Structure formats: C-alpha cells, structure tokens
Protein backbone atom coordinates (compact mmCIF):
# COMPACT_ATOMS: atom_id res chain seq x y z
CA MET A 1 98.12 129.53 141.74
CA LEU A 2 97.71 126.33 139.67
CA TYR A 3 97.05 122.98 141.45
CA ASN A 4 97.26 119.24 140.95
CA VAL A 5 93.98 118.05 141.18
CA LEU A 6 92.81 114.34 141.44
CA ILE A 7 88.98 113.65 140.64
CA VAL A 8 87.54 110.45 142.59
CA GLU A 9 84.30 110.13 140.42
CA ASP A 10 82.55 106.54 139.17
CA ASP A 11 80.62 108.12 136.45
CA ARG A 12 82.79 108.72 133.39
CA GLN A 13 81.05 111.38 132.08
CA MET A 14 80.91 113.51 135.23
CA ALA A 15 84.60 112.96 135.79
CA GLN A 16 85.39 113.81 132.18
CA SER A 17 82.98 116.97 132.77
CA LEU A 18 84.80 118.04 135.94
CA ALA A 19 88.14 117.41 134.26
CA ALA A 20 87.27 119.70 131.67
CA GLN A 21 86.12 122.46 133.86
CA ILE A 22 89.46 122.32 136.04
CA GLY A 23 91.65 122.07 132.81
CA VAL A 24 90.02 125.51 131.74
CA LEU A 25 91.06 126.98 135.04
CA GLY A 26 94.36 125.78 134.05
CA HIS A 27 94.86 123.04 136.64
CA THR A 28 96.65 119.65 136.29
CA VAL A 29 93.79 117.09 136.61
CA ALA A 30 94.17 113.11 136.85
CA ILE A 31 91.16 110.90 137.28
CA ALA A 32 90.39 107.90 139.17
CA TYR A 33 87.18 106.24 138.42
CA GLY A 34 86.36 104.90 141.67
CA PRO A 35 88.05 104.72 145.02
CA ARG A 36 90.30 101.50 144.87
CA MET A 37 91.62 103.37 141.36
CA ALA A 38 91.96 106.66 143.79
CA LEU A 39 93.95 105.14 146.68
CA GLN A 40 96.57 103.44 144.32
CA GLN A 41 97.22 106.95 142.27
CA LEU A 42 97.81 108.12 145.97
CA ASN A 43 100.39 105.51 146.33
CA GLN A 44 102.07 107.26 143.48
CA VAL A 45 101.23 110.72 143.55
CA ILE A 46 99.89 113.19 146.34
CA PRO A 47 97.70 116.00 144.52
CA ASP A 48 96.89 119.67 146.01
CA VAL A 49 93.60 118.78 146.15
CA ILE A 50 91.03 115.83 145.77
CA LEU A 51 87.53 116.39 144.27
CA MET A 52 85.23 113.17 145.39
CA ASP A 53 81.90 111.53 144.71
CA ILE A 54 80.15 110.28 147.54
CA ASN A 55 77.82 107.72 146.28
CA MET A 56 80.27 105.44 144.50
CA PRO A 57 80.27 101.28 144.43
CA GLY A 58 82.23 99.43 147.02
CA LEU A 59 83.97 102.11 149.17
CA ASN A 60 81.82 105.34 149.26
CA GLY A 61 83.29 108.55 149.46
CA LEU A 62 82.61 109.01 153.27
CA GLU A 63 84.63 105.68 153.69
CA VAL A 64 87.69 106.87 151.79
CA LEU A 65 87.83 110.32 153.27
CA ARG A 66 87.84 109.05 156.80
CA PHE A 67 90.67 106.84 155.47
CA LEU A 68 92.86 109.78 153.90
CA ARG A 69 92.23 111.54 157.08
CA ARG A 70 93.85 109.02 159.11
CA ASP A 71 96.82 108.16 156.79
CA PRO A 72 99.43 110.78 158.00
CA ILE A 73 100.43 111.37 154.06
CA THR A 74 97.08 111.97 152.78
CA ALA A 75 95.68 113.72 156.22
CA ASN A 76 96.13 117.26 155.24
CA VAL A 77 95.35 117.09 151.52
CA PRO A 78 92.51 119.10 150.82
CA VAL A 79 88.95 117.04 149.68
CA ILE A 80 86.36 118.89 147.92
CA VAL A 81 82.93 116.76 148.06
CA VAL A 82 81.14 116.67 144.74
CA SER A 83 77.40 115.02 145.02
CA ALA A 84 74.31 115.50 144.01
CA ASN A 85 73.14 114.73 147.40
CA ASP A 86 72.31 118.28 148.80
CA SER A 87 70.76 117.50 151.92
CA GLN A 88 71.85 119.29 155.05
CA GLU A 89 72.48 115.52 156.61
CA MET A 90 74.80 114.54 153.83
CA ILE A 91 76.86 118.02 154.07
CA HIS A 92 76.85 117.88 157.80
CA ALA A 93 78.38 114.19 157.43
CA ALA A 94 80.87 114.80 154.81
CA LEU A 95 82.21 117.55 156.73
CA ARG A 96 82.24 115.62 159.67
CA ALA A 97 84.45 113.02 157.93
CA GLY A 98 86.65 115.47 157.13
CA ALA A 99 85.83 117.17 153.64
CA ASN A 100 86.92 120.95 153.39
CA ALA A 101 84.18 121.78 150.97
CA TYR A 102 80.97 120.77 149.59
CA ILE A 103 79.66 121.20 146.09
CA VAL A 104 76.34 120.15 144.72
CA LYS A 105 76.32 118.62 141.23
CA PRO A 106 76.30 119.74 138.64
CA PRO A 107 78.96 122.26 139.59
CA THR A 108 79.42 125.54 137.91
CA ILE A 109 82.85 126.56 137.06
CA GLU A 110 82.94 129.46 139.29
CA ALA A 111 81.82 127.14 142.04
CA ILE A 112 85.05 124.83 141.37
CA GLU A 113 87.23 127.50 141.23
CA GLU A 114 86.12 129.27 144.27
CA ALA A 115 86.37 125.78 146.29
CA LEU A 116 89.67 124.97 144.94
CA ASP A 117 91.00 128.35 145.94
CA ARG A 118 89.95 128.66 149.36
CA VAL A 119 90.36 125.29 150.13
CA VAL A 120 94.36 124.92 149.03
CA GLN A 121 95.08 127.93 150.78
CA LEU A 122 94.17 127.17 154.28
CA PRO A 123 97.27 126.69 156.30
CA PRO A 124 98.02 122.78 157.35
CA SER A 125 96.44 123.22 160.63
CA LEU A 126 92.88 123.75 159.14
CA GLY A 127 93.26 121.52 156.58
CA GLY A 128 94.96 122.90 154.05
CA ALA A 129 97.60 121.24 151.68
CA PRO A 130 101.10 121.42 153.03
CA ALA A 131 103.80 121.26 150.34
CA GLN A 132 104.14 117.51 150.11
CA ALA A 133 106.63 115.50 147.69
CA PRO A 134 105.00 112.45 145.27
CA ARG A 135 105.45 108.77 147.36
C-alpha cells in the first residue's frame, strides 16, 4: 500500500534523506521544514502519516504532537517520531503525547517501511488513519 507522507524536520539534510528513503519505497512525500510550516501544510492536505522530529526550534515535536491529537481533523493521523534522542524517557514522553511509533536517527529504510506499514494499518480507535479528504 502506498501512502502520502508528511516529513516534519528542521534539518534540511535529514529531511531530504528521509524523503529519499520514503520515495524509494514508492510513497508520496511532502516536507515541512519545521513545525509552523507543518501546521500550515496540514490546513491544506491531511497526509496518511506524519514523520516528525522532536527537537525543533520554536514549537518542539511533542507540543506539535499534542496539538495534532487535540484537533479532530488530525487526531487519528498516525505520527512516527524520528529523533536522535534514544533515551527511554523521551520515547515514553513521545508515546504519551500521542506518537504511534518512535524511530531513532539515522533510521534504516527497513525501520521506516516497517513503522509506516504498522501505524497506517492500525484501526482508527488505536491511532490508525481513517480515510480523510483534504481540508
């Protein structure tokens, strides 16, 4: 199954690397170079899944994740956190904030593919993505 993926990453090189890996898997990719750009893009199109960094300037990924979970339109869009922070404390904080999966940077293409397939196929009641039209 192919997905529309939004990457939220302030590091342009990492964003391009993630986009290339996801593109190799055949998925459609959009990049938001930071949380504010992501929120603007989400006003136009709702992706099937979001890959998001945690440590970003301004709003951090946890704050954005909490916002997404409170918004009825994005509440069920799966979010995969992609972060260099591999501490159990941060992983648990991301999952408590509403992340569906957590991948440590730099991710392998296999880790990305497995996480995408796992979170997008969850039923909506467990955080999977319902069918949604663009806003």
